[in-house]
């Protein structure tokens, strides 16, 4: 039996990882990403994060027009940090 792999303060990694939720990149996409520098890959990841944040902000603002901008930003932060509330 393999010893549990954990990081300090976390549960056994195997209990947190659902392999059914992992998506495999298409080989062409993987090759394109490998060809980029670390800085380019980091920029792409940051832009993806900003896009997700902006789309979630727009969705919540449209879904809850009664919320103040501060309340919308608070909920965006909560969801992106996976806080169950």
PDB file of N, CA and C in Angstrom:
ATOM      1  N   UNK A   1       0.844  -1.195   0.000  1.00  0.00           N
ATOM      2  CA  UNK A   1       0.000   0.000   0.000  1.00  0.00           C
ATOM      3  C   UNK A   1       0.881   1.246   0.000  1.00  0.00           C
ATOM      4  N   UNK A   2       0.521   2.236  -0.806  1.00  0.00           N
ATOM      5  CA  UNK A   2       1.295   3.466  -0.887  1.00  0.00           C
ATOM      6  C   UNK A   2       1.003   4.349   0.312  1.00  0.00           C
ATOM      7  N   UNK A   3       2.028   5.037   0.810  1.00  0.00           N
ATOM      8  CA  UNK A   3       1.768   5.966   1.911  1.00  0.00           C
ATOM      9  C   UNK A   3       0.949   7.142   1.402  1.00  0.00           C
ATOM     10  N   UNK A   4       0.131   7.725   2.266  1.00  0.00           N
ATOM     11  CA  UNK A   4      -0.669   8.874   1.822  1.00  0.00           C
ATOM     12  C   UNK A   4       0.239  10.043   1.453  1.00  0.00           C
ATOM     13  N   UNK A   5      -0.163  10.758   0.409  1.00  0.00           N
ATOM     14  CA  UNK A   5       0.596  11.949   0.019  1.00  0.00           C
ATOM     15  C   UNK A   5      -0.213  13.162   0.418  1.00  0.00           C
ATOM     16  N   UNK A   6       0.332  13.951   1.303  1.00  0.00           N
ATOM     17  CA  UNK A   6      -0.384  15.148   1.679  1.00  0.00           C
ATOM     18  C   UNK A   6       0.535  16.341   1.767  1.00  0.00           C
ATOM     19  N   UNK A   7      -0.125  17.464   1.779  1.00  0.00           N
ATOM     20  CA  UNK A   7       0.577  18.698   2.073  1.00  0.00           C
ATOM     21  C   UNK A   7       0.169  19.064   3.490  1.00  0.00           C
ATOM     22  N   UNK A   8       0.988  19.833   4.189  1.00  0.00           N
ATOM     23  CA  UNK A   8       0.645  20.174   5.571  1.00  0.00           C
ATOM     24  C   UNK A   8      -0.749  20.780   5.670  1.00  0.00           C
ATOM     25  N   UNK A   9      -1.520  20.274   6.596  1.00  0.00           N
ATOM     26  CA  UNK A   9      -2.848  20.813   6.851  1.00  0.00           C
ATOM     27  C   UNK A   9      -3.920  20.352   5.895  1.00  0.00           C
ATOM     28  N   UNK A  10      -3.615  19.417   4.985  1.00  0.00           N
ATOM     29  CA  UNK A  10      -4.627  18.972   4.032  1.00  0.00           C
ATOM     30  C   UNK A  10      -4.984  17.520   4.279  1.00  0.00           C
ATOM     31  N   UNK A  11      -6.063  17.104   3.663  1.00  0.00           N
ATOM     32  CA  UNK A  11      -6.458  15.704   3.719  1.00  0.00           C
ATOM     33  C   UNK A  11      -5.596  14.921   2.742  1.00  0.00           C
ATOM     34  N   UNK A  12      -5.680  13.629   2.803  1.00  0.00           N
ATOM     35  CA  UNK A  12      -4.985  12.769   1.852  1.00  0.00           C
ATOM     36  C   UNK A  12      -5.377  13.219   0.446  1.00  0.00           C
ATOM     37  N   UNK A  13      -4.386  13.465  -0.412  1.00  0.00           N
ATOM     38  CA  UNK A  13      -4.645  13.986  -1.757  1.00  0.00           C
ATOM     39  C   UNK A  13      -5.584  13.092  -2.541  1.00  0.00           C
ATOM     40  N   UNK A  14      -5.535  11.770  -2.303  1.00  0.00           N
ATOM     41  CA  UNK A  14      -6.405  10.853  -3.048  1.00  0.00           C
ATOM     42  C   UNK A  14      -7.878  11.062  -2.711  1.00  0.00           C
ATOM     43  N   UNK A  15      -8.175  11.583  -1.538  1.00  0.00           N
ATOM     44  CA  UNK A  15      -9.572  11.822  -1.188  1.00  0.00           C
ATOM     45  C   UNK A  15     -10.076  13.116  -1.812  1.00  0.00           C
ATOM     46  N   UNK A  16      -9.176  13.981  -2.247  1.00  0.00           N
ATOM     47  CA  UNK A  16      -9.579  15.272  -2.811  1.00  0.00           C
ATOM     48  C   UNK A  16      -9.603  15.278  -4.330  1.00  0.00           C
ATOM     49  N   UNK A  17      -8.950  14.305  -4.962  1.00  0.00           N
ATOM     50  CA  UNK A  17      -8.803  14.300  -6.409  1.00  0.00           C
ATOM     51  C   UNK A  17      -9.791  13.329  -7.040  1.00  0.00           C
ATOM     52  N   UNK A  18     -10.654  13.842  -7.886  1.00  0.00           N
ATOM     53  CA  UNK A  18     -11.606  13.010  -8.618  1.00  0.00           C
ATOM     54  C   UNK A  18     -11.091  12.905 -10.056  1.00  0.00           C
ATOM     55  N   UNK A  19     -10.506  11.773 -10.390  1.00  0.00           N
ATOM     56  CA  UNK A  19      -9.883  11.608 -11.704  1.00  0.00           C
ATOM     57  C   UNK A  19     -10.867  11.763 -12.851  1.00  0.00           C
ATOM     58  N   UNK A  20     -12.154  11.586 -12.603  1.00  0.00           N
ATOM     59  CA  UNK A  20     -13.148  11.755 -13.670  1.00  0.00           C
ATOM     60  C   UNK A  20     -13.272  13.200 -14.107  1.00  0.00           C
ATOM     61  N   UNK A  21     -12.784  14.131 -13.286  1.00  0.00           N
ATOM     62  CA  UNK A  21     -12.916  15.548 -13.597  1.00  0.00           C
ATOM     63  C   UNK A  21     -11.687  16.113 -14.308  1.00  0.00           C
ATOM     64  N   UNK A  22     -10.676  15.299 -14.539  1.00  0.00           N
ATOM     65  CA  UNK A  22      -9.467  15.767 -15.211  1.00  0.00           C
ATOM     66  C   UNK A  22      -9.656  15.657 -16.717  1.00  0.00           C
ATOM     67  N   UNK A  23      -9.406  16.754 -17.411  1.00  0.00           N
ATOM     68  CA  UNK A  23      -9.521  16.765 -18.864  1.00  0.00           C
ATOM     69  C   UNK A  23      -8.130  16.687 -19.469  1.00  0.00           C
ATOM     70  N   UNK A  24      -7.992  15.907 -20.525  1.00  0.00           N
ATOM     71  CA  UNK A  24      -6.718  15.759 -21.215  1.00  0.00           C
ATOM     72  C   UNK A  24      -6.678  16.741 -22.371  1.00  0.00           C
ATOM     73  N   UNK A  25      -5.537  17.415 -22.502  1.00  0.00           N
ATOM     74  CA  UNK A  25      -5.374  18.351 -23.615  1.00  0.00           C
ATOM     75  C   UNK A  25      -5.216  17.598 -24.927  1.00  0.00           C
ATOM     76  N   UNK A  26      -5.724  18.189 -25.969  1.00  0.00           N
ATOM     77  CA  UNK A  26      -5.490  17.666 -27.307  1.00  0.00           C
ATOM     78  C   UNK A  26      -3.986  17.761 -27.565  1.00  0.00           C
ATOM     79  N   UNK A  27      -3.400  16.778 -28.226  1.00  0.00           N
ATOM     80  CA  UNK A  27      -1.950  16.798 -28.468  1.00  0.00           C
ATOM     81  C   UNK A  27      -1.452  18.055 -29.178  1.00  0.00           C
ATOM     82  N   UNK A  28      -2.250  18.607 -30.066  1.00  0.00           N
ATOM     83  CA  UNK A  28      -1.835  19.826 -30.774  1.00  0.00           C
ATOM     84  C   UNK A  28      -1.759  21.004 -29.799  1.00  0.00           C
ATOM     85  N   UNK A  29      -2.726  21.088 -28.895  1.00  0.00           N
ATOM     86  CA  UNK A  29      -2.716  22.160 -27.898  1.00  0.00           C
ATOM     87  C   UNK A  29      -1.532  21.969 -26.953  1.00  0.00           C
ATOM     88  N   UNK A  30      -1.307  20.737 -26.526  1.00  0.00           N
ATOM     89  CA  UNK A  30      -0.176  20.460 -25.635  1.00  0.00           C
ATOM     90  C   UNK A  30       1.134  20.869 -26.286  1.00  0.00           C
ATOM     91  N   UNK A  31       1.307  20.551 -27.563  1.00  0.00           N
ATOM     92  CA  UNK A  31       2.535  20.913 -28.273  1.00  0.00           C
ATOM     93  C   UNK A  31       2.669  22.432 -28.383  1.00  0.00           C
ATOM     94  N   UNK A  32       1.573  23.121 -28.657  1.00  0.00           N
ATOM     95  CA  UNK A  32       1.616  24.588 -28.756  1.00  0.00           C
ATOM     96  C   UNK A  32       2.008  25.205 -27.413  1.00  0.00           C
ATOM     97  N   UNK A  33       1.495  24.662 -26.321  1.00  0.00           N
ATOM     98  CA  UNK A  33       1.846  25.185 -25.006  1.00  0.00           C
ATOM     99  C   UNK A  33       3.302  24.890 -24.655  1.00  0.00           C
ATOM    100  N   UNK A  34       3.782  23.713 -25.038  1.00  0.00           N
ATOM    101  CA  UNK A  34       5.188  23.374 -24.785  1.00  0.00           C
ATOM    102  C   UNK A  34       6.135  24.314 -25.532  1.00  0.00           C
ATOM    103  N   UNK A  35       5.692  24.803 -26.682  1.00  0.00           N
ATOM    104  CA  UNK A  35       6.533  25.685 -27.493  1.00  0.00           C
ATOM    105  C   UNK A  35       6.625  27.094 -26.903  1.00  0.00           C
ATOM    106  N   UNK A  36       5.727  27.438 -25.994  1.00  0.00           N
ATOM    107  CA  UNK A  36       5.730  28.773 -25.386  1.00  0.00           C
ATOM    108  C   UNK A  36       6.700  28.815 -24.212  1.00  0.00           C
ATOM    109  N   UNK A  37       7.174  30.007 -23.943  1.00  0.00           N
ATOM    110  CA  UNK A  37       8.052  30.178 -22.777  1.00  0.00           C
ATOM    111  C   UNK A  37       7.208  30.109 -21.505  1.00  0.00           C
ATOM    112  N   UNK A  38       7.870  29.956 -20.393  1.00  0.00           N
ATOM    113  CA  UNK A  38       7.166  29.945 -19.106  1.00  0.00           C
ATOM    114  C   UNK A  38       6.397  31.237 -18.889  1.00  0.00           C
ATOM    115  N   UNK A  39       6.978  32.356 -19.284  1.00  0.00           N
ATOM    116  CA  UNK A  39       6.308  33.649 -19.120  1.00  0.00           C
ATOM    117  C   UNK A  39       5.052  33.722 -19.983  1.00  0.00           C
ATOM    118  N   UNK A  40       5.117  33.193 -21.199  1.00  0.00           N
ATOM    119  CA  UNK A  40       3.931  33.203 -22.073  1.00  0.00           C
ATOM    120  C   UNK A  40       2.818  32.320 -21.482  1.00  0.00           C
ATOM    121  N   UNK A  41       3.190  31.158 -20.959  1.00  0.00           N
ATOM    122  CA  UNK A  41       2.184  30.278 -20.353  1.00  0.00           C
ATOM    123  C   UNK A  41       1.570  30.924 -19.121  1.00  0.00           C
ATOM    124  N   UNK A  42       2.389  31.601 -18.336  1.00  0.00           N
ATOM    125  CA  UNK A  42       1.886  32.303 -17.161  1.00  0.00           C
ATOM    126  C   UNK A  42       0.938  33.423 -17.564  1.00  0.00           C
ATOM    127  N   UNK A  43       1.281  34.149 -18.628  1.00  0.00           N
ATOM    128  CA  UNK A  43       0.396  35.220 -19.124  1.00  0.00           C
ATOM    129  C   UNK A  43      -0.948  34.648 -19.571  1.00  0.00           C
ATOM    130  N   UNK A  44      -0.927  33.523 -20.280  1.00  0.00           N
ATOM    131  CA  UNK A  44      -2.173  32.890 -20.721  1.00  0.00           C
ATOM    132  C   UNK A  44      -3.024  32.456 -19.529  1.00  0.00           C
ATOM    133  N   UNK A  45      -2.389  31.881 -18.529  1.00  0.00           N
ATOM    134  CA  UNK A  45      -3.129  31.453 -17.336  1.00  0.00           C
ATOM    135  C   UNK A  45      -3.743  32.662 -16.630  1.00  0.00           C
ATOM    136  N   UNK A  46      -2.975  33.738 -16.537  1.00  0.00           N
ATOM    137  CA  UNK A  46      -3.489  34.950 -15.887  1.00  0.00           C
ATOM    138  C   UNK A  46      -4.671  35.531 -16.670  1.00  0.00           C
ATOM    139  N   UNK A  47      -4.559  35.557 -17.988  1.00  0.00           N
ATOM    140  CA  UNK A  47      -5.666  36.064 -18.808  1.00  0.00           C
ATOM    141  C   UNK A  47      -6.899  35.184 -18.673  1.00  0.00           C
ATOM    142  N   UNK A  48      -6.714  33.874 -18.565  1.00  0.00           N
ATOM    143  CA  UNK A  48      -7.855  32.973 -18.379  1.00  0.00           C
ATOM    144  C   UNK A  48      -8.520  33.248 -17.030  1.00  0.00           C
ATOM    145  N   UNK A  49      -7.705  33.479 -16.008  1.00  0.00           N
ATOM    146  CA  UNK A  49      -8.236  33.787 -14.671  1.00  0.00           C
ATOM    147  C   UNK A  49      -9.030  35.095 -14.711  1.00  0.00           C
ATOM    148  N   UNK A  50      -8.478  36.115 -15.353  1.00  0.00           N
ATOM    149  CA  UNK A  50      -9.182  37.397 -15.460  1.00  0.00           C
ATOM    150  C   UNK A  50     -10.496  37.246 -16.220  1.00  0.00           C
ATOM    151  N   UNK A  51     -10.485  36.470 -17.297  1.00  0.00           N
ATOM    152  CA  UNK A  51     -11.701  36.246 -18.067  1.00  0.00           C
ATOM    153  C   UNK A  51     -12.763  35.551 -17.212  1.00  0.00           C
ATOM    154  N   UNK A  52     -12.370  34.527 -16.480  1.00  0.00           N
ATOM    155  CA  UNK A  52     -13.322  33.820 -15.610  1.00  0.00           C
ATOM    156  C   UNK A  52     -13.889  34.776 -14.563  1.00  0.00           C
ATOM    157  N   UNK A  53     -13.016  35.578 -13.952  1.00  0.00           N
ATOM    158  CA  UNK A  53     -13.465  36.539 -12.933  1.00  0.00           C
ATOM    159  C   UNK A  53     -14.431  37.555 -13.531  1.00  0.00           C
ATOM    160  N   UNK A  54     -14.099  38.097 -14.695  1.00  0.00           N
ATOM    161  CA  UNK A  54     -14.951  39.110 -15.324  1.00  0.00           C
ATOM    162  C   UNK A  54     -16.302  38.530 -15.751  1.00  0.00           C
ATOM    163  N   UNK A  55     -16.298  37.314 -16.282  1.00  0.00           N
ATOM    164  CA  UNK A  55     -17.560  36.691 -16.707  1.00  0.00           C
ATOM    165  C   UNK A  55     -18.430  36.363 -15.507  1.00  0.00           C
ATOM    166  N   UNK A  56     -17.815  35.883 -14.423  1.00  0.00           N
ATOM    167  CA  UNK A  56     -18.578  35.598 -13.216  1.00  0.00           C
ATOM    168  C   UNK A  56     -19.145  36.883 -12.627  1.00  0.00           C
ATOM    169  N   UNK A  57     -18.364  37.956 -12.651  1.00  0.00           N
ATOM    170  CA  UNK A  57     -18.845  39.256 -12.167  1.00  0.00           C
ATOM    171  C   UNK A  57     -20.056  39.707 -12.964  1.00  0.00           C
ATOM    172  N   UNK A  58     -19.982  39.625 -14.291  1.00  0.00           N
ATOM    173  CA  UNK A  58     -21.105  40.035 -15.144  1.00  0.00           C
ATOM    174  C   UNK A  58     -22.322  39.150 -14.904  1.00  0.00           C
ATOM    175  N   UNK A  59     -22.107  37.842 -14.756  1.00  0.00           N
ATOM    176  CA  UNK A  59     -23.210  36.916 -14.511  1.00  0.00           C
ATOM    177  C   UNK A  59     -23.914  37.245 -13.198  1.00  0.00           C
ATOM    178  N   UNK A  60     -23.144  37.417 -12.139  1.00  0.00           N
ATOM    179  CA  UNK A  60     -23.754  37.689 -10.832  1.00  0.00           C
ATOM    180  C   UNK A  60     -24.431  39.056 -10.794  1.00  0.00           C
ATOM    181  N   UNK A  61     -23.828  40.045 -11.430  1.00  0.00           N
ATOM    182  CA  UNK A  61     -24.446  41.376 -11.468  1.00  0.00           C
ATOM    183  C   UNK A  61     -25.765  41.339 -12.234  1.00  0.00           C
ATOM    184  N   UNK A  62     -25.824  40.557 -13.304  1.00  0.00           N
ATOM    185  CA  UNK A  62     -27.064  40.434 -14.072  1.00  0.00           C
ATOM    186  C   UNK A  62     -28.115  39.593 -13.369  1.00  0.00           C
ATOM    187  N   UNK A  63     -27.660  38.579 -12.653  1.00  0.00           N
ATOM    188  CA  UNK A  63     -28.581  37.694 -11.940  1.00  0.00           C
ATOM    189  C   UNK A  63     -29.133  38.351 -10.681  1.00  0.00           C
ATOM    190  N   UNK A  64     -28.336  39.213 -10.066  1.00  0.00           N
ATOM    191  CA  UNK A  64     -28.726  39.870  -8.810  1.00  0.00           C
ATOM    192  C   UNK A  64     -28.571  41.390  -8.948  1.00  0.00           C
ATOM    193  N   UNK A  65     -29.456  42.031  -9.701  1.00  0.00           N
ATOM    194  CA  UNK A  65     -29.319  43.479  -9.896  1.00  0.00           C
ATOM    195  C   UNK A  65     -29.482  44.274  -8.597  1.00  0.00           C
ATOM    196  N   UNK A  66     -30.058  43.653  -7.588  1.00  0.00           N
ATOM    197  CA  UNK A  66     -30.249  44.346  -6.302  1.00  0.00           C
ATOM    198  C   UNK A  66     -28.950  44.398  -5.480  1.00  0.00           C
ATOM    199  N   UNK A  67     -27.948  43.622  -5.849  1.00  0.00           N
ATOM    200  CA  UNK A  67     -26.679  43.610  -5.118  1.00  0.00           C
ATOM    201  C   UNK A  67     -25.836  44.821  -5.481  1.00  0.00           C
ATOM    202  N   UNK A  68     -25.138  45.346  -4.493  1.00  0.00           N
ATOM    203  CA  UNK A  68     -24.192  46.440  -4.741  1.00  0.00           C
ATOM    204  C   UNK A  68     -22.955  45.868  -5.436  1.00  0.00           C
ATOM    205  N   UNK A  69     -22.178  46.729  -6.092  1.00  0.00           N
ATOM    206  CA  UNK A  69     -20.930  46.239  -6.694  1.00  0.00           C
ATOM    207  C   UNK A  69     -20.011  45.557  -5.667  1.00  0.00           C
ATOM    208  N   UNK A  70     -19.984  46.077  -4.456  1.00  0.00           N
ATOM    209  CA  UNK A  70     -19.164  45.439  -3.418  1.00  0.00           C
ATOM    210  C   UNK A  70     -19.658  44.038  -3.099  1.00  0.00           C
ATOM    211  N   UNK A  71     -20.962  43.862  -3.048  1.00  0.00           N
ATOM    212  CA  UNK A  71     -21.537  42.537  -2.760  1.00  0.00           C
ATOM    213  C   UNK A  71     -21.222  41.561  -3.898  1.00  0.00           C
ATOM    214  N   UNK A  72     -21.305  42.044  -5.143  1.00  0.00           N
ATOM    215  CA  UNK A  72     -20.981  41.204  -6.298  1.00  0.00           C
ATOM    216  C   UNK A  72     -19.511  40.768  -6.218  1.00  0.00           C
ATOM    217  N   UNK A  73     -18.610  41.703  -5.947  1.00  0.00           N
ATOM    218  CA  UNK A  73     -17.186  41.368  -5.863  1.00  0.00           C
ATOM    219  C   UNK A  73     -16.900  40.411  -4.711  1.00  0.00           C
ATOM    220  N   UNK A  74     -17.622  40.578  -3.625  1.00  0.00           N
ATOM    221  CA  UNK A  74     -17.464  39.672  -2.483  1.00  0.00           C
ATOM    222  C   UNK A  74     -17.874  38.251  -2.868  1.00  0.00           C
ATOM    223  N   UNK A  75     -18.980  38.124  -3.586  1.00  0.00           N
ATOM    224  CA  UNK A  75     -19.444  36.797  -4.005  1.00  0.00           C
ATOM    225  C   UNK A  75     -18.512  36.186  -5.049  1.00  0.00           C
ATOM    226  N   UNK A  76     -17.986  36.999  -5.951  1.00  0.00           N
ATOM    227  CA  UNK A  76     -17.023  36.503  -6.934  1.00  0.00           C
ATOM    228  C   UNK A  76     -15.803  35.941  -6.207  1.00  0.00           C
ATOM    229  N   UNK A  77     -15.281  36.691  -5.263  1.00  0.00           N
ATOM    230  CA  UNK A  77     -14.110  36.241  -4.514  1.00  0.00           C
ATOM    231  C   UNK A  77     -14.433  34.943  -3.761  1.00  0.00           C
ATOM    232  N   UNK A  78     -15.588  34.872  -3.148  1.00  0.00           N
ATOM    233  CA  UNK A  78     -15.962  33.680  -2.403  1.00  0.00           C
ATOM    234  C   UNK A  78     -16.000  32.456  -3.319  1.00  0.00           C
ATOM    235  N   UNK A  79     -16.619  32.615  -4.483  1.00  0.00           N
ATOM    236  CA  UNK A  79     -16.728  31.479  -5.403  1.00  0.00           C
ATOM    237  C   UNK A  79     -15.386  31.073  -5.985  1.00  0.00           C
ATOM    238  N   UNK A  80     -14.572  32.042  -6.326  1.00  0.00           N
ATOM    239  CA  UNK A  80     -13.274  31.700  -6.912  1.00  0.00           C
ATOM    240  C   UNK A  80     -12.331  31.072  -5.878  1.00  0.00           C
ATOM    241  N   UNK A  81     -12.563  31.366  -4.629  1.00  0.00           N
ATOM    242  CA  UNK A  81     -11.763  30.759  -3.560  1.00  0.00           C
ATOM    243  C   UNK A  81     -12.375  29.467  -3.046  1.00  0.00           C
ATOM    244  N   UNK A  82     -13.487  29.044  -3.673  1.00  0.00           N
ATOM    245  CA  UNK A  82     -14.185  27.804  -3.317  1.00  0.00           C
ATOM    246  C   UNK A  82     -14.654  27.789  -1.863  1.00  0.00           C
ATOM    247  N   UNK A  83     -15.049  28.935  -1.379  1.00  0.00           N
ATOM    248  CA  UNK A  83     -15.582  29.041  -0.008  1.00  0.00           C
ATOM    249  C   UNK A  83     -17.033  28.576  -0.049  1.00  0.00           C
ATOM    250  N   UNK A  84     -17.399  27.574   0.725  1.00  0.00           N
ATOM    251  CA  UNK A  84     -18.765  27.061   0.666  1.00  0.00           C
ATOM    252  C   UNK A  84     -19.796  28.049   1.204  1.00  0.00           C
ATOM    253  N   UNK A  85     -19.354  29.126   1.790  1.00  0.00           N
ATOM    254  CA  UNK A  85     -20.286  30.151   2.240  1.00  0.00           C
ATOM    255  C   UNK A  85     -20.580  30.047   3.662  1.00  0.00           C
TER     256      UNK A  85
END
